[in-house]
Amino acid sequence: MVACALLAGCGGEPVKVPAAASSSQASVAEELAVVAGGGLAVPSAKQLPAGAAIGGPDYAVRLTEVGTADHLEPAVVTQFGKMQSATGVPRDASGPIAAGQGKEFVFARLAAVPGLETQPSAVVKARLRVGDKARPVEGIVSPNSVLVALVPAGAPVTLVVSDADKDQSIDLRTGAVGPGAVAAYLKPRPYGETSYKLVGQISGEPQQTYVEIEVSAALEPYDHRQQGTWAPAGHTWLRVWVEAKLTSIGVLDGTIDMRQSLQLTANGKAVTVEASQADVVGETVPTNGYTIRDEVRMEVAEGSVQTLTFRFEPKGALTRAGKPATLKLTGSAQQKITLK
């Protein structure tokens, strides 16, 4: 990534980049497209609409302003020389660099989407579509940065970001978002959780055991499991995480069938749990402790789930001391999660 530390102005005043014409023997890469530090000023800045934002599973950015210039100022040129492989600017360049006849430098400021925090991710790739041609963007697309490109004057310029095999785009000059945008990633995903404790009886044991259960749920258009899967249009994934902890004086082993063990109801309608097997895992501390942990998902219509009720009744192929066993819970009334 082209770090902010490489650019003048990161810790103080922005580097000024006037739009006045200038000339220099130095030049930049013919297809310059680089993400630079946020301390860079946007010349002749024009504010973009509040809705000029796109986001995916691993990023969310908003374009706040755009501007153009027919040259780069010396202070910018010097810093771009430090990024020579990405910009093509000689390391010893010191004077202004002209865009050249019929060309201009485009600057677009990237900022965070209000209410969202995302960490820069190398899995997110970007390219510019300039007219009918595409070029890669050097660096990581992330908030608090400025995208700089050399393009034909007045040419359409679109930023295309690819994440989880899905392209989303935004027009650099107008802030217009492309038709493939996923609105769900421009706001916090609905989430809820609860925890409770029940009494359980493992067959073959003289005493009962407490079973601590935690259940959480979220709605997301994309599921990272199994190399990732997007929900069909108009639908989203209801992802549910279940964790149960208990102790046993005998050695427990086996699996829990989550499709049989987890009964879900969303807004009064039963939801079918996908088939999944959760292993019984022995803990190091306490030495007689065991955990049953798994994630399941269900495809649901967008906007169809606000509350979720569930009942966890562990069923599966359990063994205790090598012999078939059961785990019965007492008082396992329905629990409720509100997604918000």
Protein backbone atom coordinates (compact mmCIF):
# COMPACT_ATOMS: atom_id res chain seq x y z
CA MET A 1 0.00 0.00 0.00
CA VAL A 2 1.11 3.55 -0.68
CA ALA A 3 1.35 4.75 2.90
CA CYS A 4 0.29 8.16 4.12
CA ALA A 5 3.77 8.62 5.57
CA LEU A 6 5.16 8.89 2.04
CA LEU A 7 3.21 12.05 1.32
CA ALA A 8 3.87 15.58 2.46
CA GLY A 9 1.08 16.99 4.53
CA CYS A 10 0.01 13.78 6.27
CA GLY A 11 0.77 15.19 9.71
CA GLY A 12 -0.01 18.83 9.01
CA GLU A 13 -1.38 21.06 6.29
CA PRO A 14 -2.50 19.35 3.06
CA VAL A 15 -0.14 19.57 0.11
CA LYS A 16 -1.55 22.28 -2.11
CA VAL A 17 -2.16 21.30 -5.71
CA PRO A 18 -3.33 24.37 -7.64
CA ALA A 19 -5.02 23.87 -10.98
CA ALA A 20 -2.80 26.38 -12.78
CA ALA A 21 -0.86 25.17 -15.80
CA SER A 22 2.78 24.25 -15.47
CA SER A 23 5.45 22.28 -17.34
CA SER A 24 8.31 19.94 -16.55
CA GLN A 25 10.64 17.56 -18.31
CA ALA A 26 9.67 14.84 -15.81
CA SER A 27 6.55 12.77 -16.36
CA VAL A 28 4.37 10.16 -14.70
CA ALA A 29 3.34 6.70 -15.85
CA GLU A 30 1.07 6.99 -18.89
CA GLU A 31 -1.71 5.09 -17.08
CA LEU A 32 -1.12 6.48 -13.58
CA ALA A 33 -3.74 5.29 -11.05
CA VAL A 34 -2.54 5.21 -7.45
CA VAL A 35 -4.05 5.47 -3.96
CA ALA A 36 -2.05 8.02 -1.98
CA GLY A 37 -2.19 9.30 1.59
CA GLY A 38 -5.06 11.39 2.88
CA GLY A 39 -2.87 14.46 3.45
CA LEU A 40 -2.95 15.23 -0.27
CA ALA A 41 -5.22 18.15 -1.18
CA VAL A 42 -7.82 17.84 -3.93
CA PRO A 43 -7.44 20.77 -6.37
CA SER A 44 -10.56 22.74 -7.34
CA ALA A 45 -12.49 20.33 -5.13
CA LYS A 46 -16.14 19.65 -5.89
CA GLN A 47 -18.25 17.98 -3.22
CA LEU A 48 -19.89 14.71 -4.19
CA PRO A 49 -23.36 13.49 -3.09
CA ALA A 50 -23.70 11.77 0.29
CA GLY A 51 -24.73 8.56 -1.49
CA ALA A 52 -21.42 8.29 -3.39
CA ALA A 53 -20.39 5.13 -1.54
CA ILE A 54 -19.85 1.43 -2.17
CA GLY A 55 -19.01 -1.46 0.15
CA GLY A 56 -18.50 -5.20 0.32
CA PRO A 57 -17.62 -7.91 2.85
CA ASP A 58 -14.10 -6.49 3.29
CA TYR A 59 -14.41 -2.74 2.66
CA ALA A 60 -16.65 0.33 2.65
CA VAL A 61 -15.65 3.71 1.21
CA ARG A 62 -17.31 6.97 0.32
CA LEU A 63 -16.09 9.51 -2.26
CA THR A 64 -16.42 12.95 -0.72
CA GLU A 65 -14.82 15.27 -3.28
CA VAL A 66 -13.25 15.28 -6.73
CA GLY A 67 -11.06 17.72 -8.59
CA THR A 68 -8.74 18.07 -11.57
CA ALA A 69 -5.47 19.79 -12.36
CA ASP A 70 -3.28 20.17 -15.44
CA HIS A 71 -0.11 19.56 -13.41
CA LEU A 72 1.33 18.23 -10.17
CA GLU A 73 3.01 20.63 -7.78
CA PRO A 74 6.73 20.10 -6.89
CA ALA A 75 5.94 18.96 -3.32
CA VAL A 76 3.68 16.23 -4.70
CA VAL A 77 6.17 15.28 -7.41
CA THR A 78 8.95 14.81 -4.84
CA GLN A 79 6.82 12.46 -2.80
CA PHE A 80 5.62 10.59 -5.88
CA GLY A 81 9.27 9.96 -6.68
CA LYS A 82 9.43 7.84 -3.55
CA MET A 83 6.69 5.69 -5.08
CA GLN A 84 8.54 5.33 -8.34
CA SER A 85 7.38 1.83 -9.20
CA ALA A 86 3.75 2.87 -8.91
CA THR A 87 3.95 6.33 -10.47
CA GLY A 88 6.86 6.30 -12.89
CA VAL A 89 8.15 9.59 -11.42
CA PRO A 90 12.00 9.71 -11.24
CA ARG A 91 13.27 9.63 -7.65
CA ASP A 92 15.23 12.86 -8.17
CA ALA A 93 12.35 14.76 -9.77
CA SER A 94 11.78 18.13 -8.12
CA GLY A 95 9.80 20.36 -10.48
CA PRO A 96 6.14 20.36 -11.45
CA ILE A 97 4.84 17.73 -13.87
CA ALA A 98 2.42 18.72 -16.61
CA ALA A 99 -0.43 16.43 -17.50
CA GLY A 100 0.28 16.98 -21.19
CA GLN A 101 -1.78 18.04 -24.17
CA GLY A 102 -5.39 16.83 -23.88
CA LYS A 103 -4.86 15.22 -20.46
CA GLU A 104 -5.53 16.05 -16.82
CA PHE A 105 -4.90 14.70 -13.34
CA VAL A 106 -8.03 13.56 -11.51
CA PHE A 107 -8.07 13.55 -7.70
CA ALA A 108 -10.80 11.82 -5.66
CA ARG A 109 -10.90 11.75 -1.86
CA LEU A 110 -11.97 8.50 -0.18
CA ALA A 111 -13.48 8.63 3.31
CA ALA A 112 -15.17 6.30 5.76
CA VAL A 113 -18.86 5.52 5.42
CA PRO A 114 -20.58 7.14 8.44
CA GLY A 115 -21.23 4.60 11.17
CA LEU A 116 -18.91 1.95 9.73
CA GLU A 117 -15.34 1.00 10.52
CA THR A 118 -13.37 -1.17 8.09
CA GLN A 119 -9.74 -2.24 8.13
CA PRO A 120 -7.73 -1.97 4.88
CA SER A 121 -7.67 -5.37 3.17
CA ALA A 122 -5.32 -6.65 0.49
CA VAL A 123 -8.03 -8.99 -0.82
CA VAL A 124 -9.88 -5.95 -2.17
CA LYS A 125 -8.71 -5.09 -5.70
CA ALA A 126 -9.50 -1.98 -7.69
CA ARG A 127 -9.23 -0.76 -11.24
CA LEU A 128 -10.16 2.37 -13.14
CA ARG A 129 -12.33 2.27 -16.21
CA VAL A 130 -11.30 5.23 -18.34
CA GLY A 131 -13.54 5.47 -21.37
CA ASP A 132 -13.59 1.90 -22.70
CA LYS A 133 -10.22 0.89 -21.23
CA ALA A 134 -9.32 -0.47 -17.78
CA ARG A 135 -6.17 -0.06 -15.70
CA PRO A 136 -5.21 -1.42 -12.24
CA VAL A 137 -5.14 0.90 -9.23
CA GLU A 138 -1.94 0.64 -7.20
CA GLY A 139 -2.42 0.51 -3.43
CA ILE A 140 -5.32 -0.47 -1.19
CA VAL A 141 -8.66 1.28 -1.54
CA SER A 142 -9.48 2.49 1.97
CA PRO A 143 -10.80 5.54 3.84
CA ASN A 144 -8.51 8.52 4.49
CA SER A 145 -6.77 8.33 1.12
CA VAL A 146 -6.78 10.10 -2.24
CA LEU A 147 -6.91 8.42 -5.62
CA VAL A 148 -4.82 10.14 -8.31
CA ALA A 149 -4.99 9.28 -12.00
CA LEU A 150 -3.79 10.71 -15.32
CA VAL A 151 -6.64 10.58 -17.83
CA PRO A 152 -7.79 12.20 -21.08
CA ALA A 153 -9.37 15.57 -20.26
CA GLY A 154 -13.08 15.20 -19.62
CA ALA A 155 -13.09 11.41 -20.18
CA PRO A 156 -15.51 9.29 -18.13
CA VAL A 157 -13.64 7.75 -15.15
CA THR A 158 -15.14 4.96 -13.06
CA LEU A 159 -13.65 3.29 -10.00
CA VAL A 160 -14.42 -0.45 -10.02
CA VAL A 161 -13.77 -2.35 -6.77
CA SER A 162 -13.74 -6.14 -6.69
CA ASP A 163 -14.33 -8.01 -3.43
CA ALA A 164 -15.49 -11.62 -3.01
CA ASP A 165 -15.71 -11.97 -6.80
CA LYS A 166 -18.20 -9.13 -7.07
CA ASP A 167 -17.59 -5.82 -8.85
CA GLN A 168 -19.07 -2.57 -7.59
CA SER A 169 -18.48 0.77 -9.27
CA ILE A 170 -18.74 4.49 -8.74
CA ASP A 171 -18.30 7.39 -11.19
CA LEU A 172 -15.37 9.54 -10.00
CA ARG A 173 -16.67 12.69 -11.63
CA THR A 174 -20.30 12.56 -10.46
CA GLY A 175 -20.36 10.09 -7.55
CA ALA A 176 -23.06 8.04 -9.29
CA VAL A 177 -23.05 4.43 -8.04
CA GLY A 178 -23.24 1.55 -10.52
CA PRO A 179 -26.20 -0.86 -10.70
CA GLY A 180 -24.31 -3.71 -8.99
CA ALA A 181 -23.96 -1.92 -5.63
CA VAL A 182 -24.85 -3.87 -2.46
CA ALA A 183 -26.65 -1.44 -0.14
CA ALA A 184 -26.44 -3.81 2.84
CA TYR A 185 -22.71 -3.10 3.23
CA LEU A 186 -23.22 0.64 3.65
CA LYS A 187 -24.79 0.21 7.10
CA PRO A 188 -24.17 -2.05 10.09
CA ARG A 189 -25.48 -5.57 9.51
CA PRO A 190 -28.38 -6.62 11.79
CA TYR A 191 -27.00 -8.64 14.70
CA GLY A 192 -28.21 -10.06 18.00
CA GLU A 193 -27.04 -12.46 20.70
CA THR A 194 -28.08 -14.08 23.95
CA SER A 195 -26.67 -16.47 26.54
CA TYR A 196 -28.36 -18.68 29.11
CA LYS A 197 -27.73 -21.70 31.34
CA LEU A 198 -29.66 -24.98 31.59
CA VAL A 199 -29.34 -28.18 33.59
CA GLY A 200 -28.30 -31.21 31.57
CA GLN A 201 -28.09 -34.94 32.18
CA ILE A 202 -25.51 -37.11 30.37
CA SER A 203 -26.62 -40.73 30.29
CA GLY A 204 -24.44 -42.96 32.46
CA GLU A 205 -23.41 -40.15 34.85
CA PRO A 206 -24.61 -40.00 38.45
CA GLN A 207 -24.97 -36.22 38.59
CA GLN A 208 -26.41 -33.52 36.40
CA THR A 209 -24.25 -30.83 34.76
CA TYR A 210 -24.83 -27.20 33.92
CA VAL A 211 -24.83 -26.40 30.18
CA GLU A 212 -23.91 -22.82 29.25
CA ILE A 213 -25.29 -21.84 25.84
CA GLU A 214 -24.50 -18.79 23.71
CA VAL A 215 -26.36 -18.09 20.47
CA SER A 216 -25.78 -15.18 18.10
CA ALA A 217 -27.27 -14.35 14.72
CA ALA A 218 -26.61 -11.91 11.87
CA LEU A 219 -27.96 -11.06 8.43
CA GLU A 220 -25.38 -10.76 5.66
CA PRO A 221 -25.51 -10.91 1.85
CA TYR A 222 -22.22 -12.85 1.73
CA ASP A 223 -21.07 -15.90 3.67
CA HIS A 224 -17.29 -16.42 3.85
CA ARG A 225 -17.53 -20.14 4.51
CA GLN A 226 -16.66 -22.71 1.84
CA GLN A 227 -14.81 -20.12 -0.28
CA GLY A 228 -17.73 -17.73 0.05
CA THR A 229 -21.25 -17.58 -1.32
CA TRP A 230 -23.46 -14.61 -2.22
CA ALA A 231 -27.15 -14.91 -1.42
CA PRO A 232 -29.46 -14.74 -4.47
CA ALA A 233 -30.93 -11.36 -5.43
CA GLY A 234 -33.60 -10.21 -2.99
CA HIS A 235 -32.37 -12.62 -0.31
CA THR A 236 -29.76 -12.64 2.43
CA TRP A 237 -28.08 -15.19 4.68
CA LEU A 238 -29.31 -15.65 8.21
CA ARG A 239 -26.15 -16.83 9.97
CA VAL A 240 -26.49 -18.42 13.40
CA TRP A 241 -23.63 -19.33 15.74
CA VAL A 242 -24.21 -21.80 18.59
CA GLU A 243 -21.82 -22.64 21.41
CA ALA A 244 -22.57 -24.97 24.33
CA LYS A 245 -20.16 -25.65 27.20
CA LEU A 246 -20.53 -28.45 29.77
CA THR A 247 -18.52 -30.79 32.00
CA SER A 248 -18.48 -34.58 32.24
CA ILE A 249 -16.77 -37.05 34.57
CA GLY A 250 -16.55 -39.47 31.65
CA VAL A 251 -14.78 -38.96 28.32
CA LEU A 252 -17.28 -37.45 25.83
CA ASP A 253 -16.92 -37.74 22.07
CA GLY A 254 -19.02 -37.67 18.92
CA THR A 255 -21.03 -35.12 16.95
CA ILE A 256 -24.22 -33.09 17.25
CA ASP A 257 -26.61 -32.93 14.28
CA MET A 258 -27.43 -29.21 14.13
CA ARG A 259 -30.31 -29.66 11.72
CA GLN A 260 -32.12 -31.81 14.27
CA SER A 261 -30.85 -29.95 17.34
CA LEU A 262 -31.69 -26.34 16.44
CA GLN A 263 -35.29 -25.35 15.85
CA LEU A 264 -35.62 -21.79 14.49
CA THR A 265 -38.60 -19.52 13.96
CA ALA A 266 -38.23 -16.12 12.28
CA ASN A 267 -41.14 -13.69 12.66
CA GLY A 268 -43.46 -16.59 13.41
CA LYS A 269 -42.38 -18.82 10.51
CA ALA A 270 -40.22 -21.92 10.82
CA VAL A 271 -36.81 -21.68 9.15
CA THR A 272 -35.04 -24.82 7.94
CA VAL A 273 -31.50 -25.17 9.25
CA GLU A 274 -28.90 -26.42 6.77
CA ALA A 275 -27.37 -29.81 7.50
CA SER A 276 -24.28 -29.50 9.69
CA GLN A 277 -22.34 -31.66 12.14
CA ALA A 278 -20.73 -30.13 15.25
CA ASP A 279 -17.92 -32.04 16.97
CA VAL A 280 -17.72 -32.42 20.72
CA VAL A 281 -14.32 -30.91 21.58
CA GLY A 282 -12.49 -31.53 24.85
CA GLU A 283 -11.04 -28.45 26.58
CA THR A 284 -7.62 -28.26 28.20
CA VAL A 285 -9.01 -26.23 31.11
CA PRO A 286 -11.01 -27.54 32.83
CA THR A 287 -9.78 -31.01 31.96
CA ASN A 288 -13.32 -32.39 32.12
CA GLY A 289 -14.81 -29.53 30.08
CA TYR A 290 -16.32 -29.91 26.60
CA THR A 291 -17.51 -27.49 23.93
CA ILE A 292 -19.99 -27.94 21.09
CA ARG A 293 -19.61 -25.10 18.60
CA ASP A 294 -20.96 -24.58 15.09
CA GLU A 295 -22.32 -22.07 12.58
CA VAL A 296 -25.32 -22.70 10.38
CA ARG A 297 -26.97 -20.53 7.78
CA MET A 298 -30.36 -20.16 6.14
CA GLU A 299 -31.43 -18.26 3.04
CA VAL A 300 -34.18 -15.76 3.84
CA ALA A 301 -35.88 -12.90 2.00
CA GLU A 302 -34.43 -9.45 2.66
CA GLY A 303 -36.32 -7.66 5.42
CA SER A 304 -38.13 -10.83 6.52
CA VAL A 305 -36.28 -11.37 9.82
CA GLN A 306 -36.31 -8.97 12.76
CA THR A 307 -36.78 -11.40 15.64
CA LEU A 308 -35.63 -14.97 15.98
CA THR A 309 -36.81 -17.61 18.44
CA PHE A 310 -34.96 -20.87 18.87
CA ARG A 311 -34.72 -24.01 20.92
CA PHE A 312 -31.45 -25.96 21.22
CA GLU A 313 -31.95 -29.65 22.01
CA PRO A 314 -28.66 -31.51 21.33
CA LYS A 315 -29.20 -34.64 19.23
CA GLY A 316 -26.56 -36.71 17.52
CA ALA A 317 -24.07 -39.55 17.77
CA LEU A 318 -22.55 -39.03 21.24
CA THR A 319 -20.40 -41.46 23.19
CA ARG A 320 -19.34 -41.49 26.84
CA ALA A 321 -16.37 -43.66 27.78
CA GLY A 322 -16.73 -45.28 24.35
CA LYS A 323 -20.41 -46.18 24.76
CA PRO A 324 -23.46 -44.52 23.11
CA ALA A 325 -24.78 -41.63 25.21
CA THR A 326 -27.40 -38.91 25.23
CA LEU A 327 -27.49 -35.35 26.57
CA LYS A 328 -30.87 -34.23 27.86
CA LEU A 329 -31.56 -30.61 28.81
CA THR A 330 -34.06 -29.61 31.48
CA GLY A 331 -36.23 -26.55 31.02
CA SER A 332 -35.04 -25.76 27.50
CA ALA A 333 -37.76 -23.22 26.76
CA GLN A 334 -37.60 -21.13 23.60
CA GLN A 335 -35.14 -18.26 23.61
CA LYS A 336 -35.41 -15.01 21.65
CA ILE A 337 -32.95 -12.83 19.74
CA THR A 338 -33.76 -9.40 18.29
CA LEU A 339 -31.63 -8.44 15.28
CA LYS A 340 -30.75 -4.76 15.18
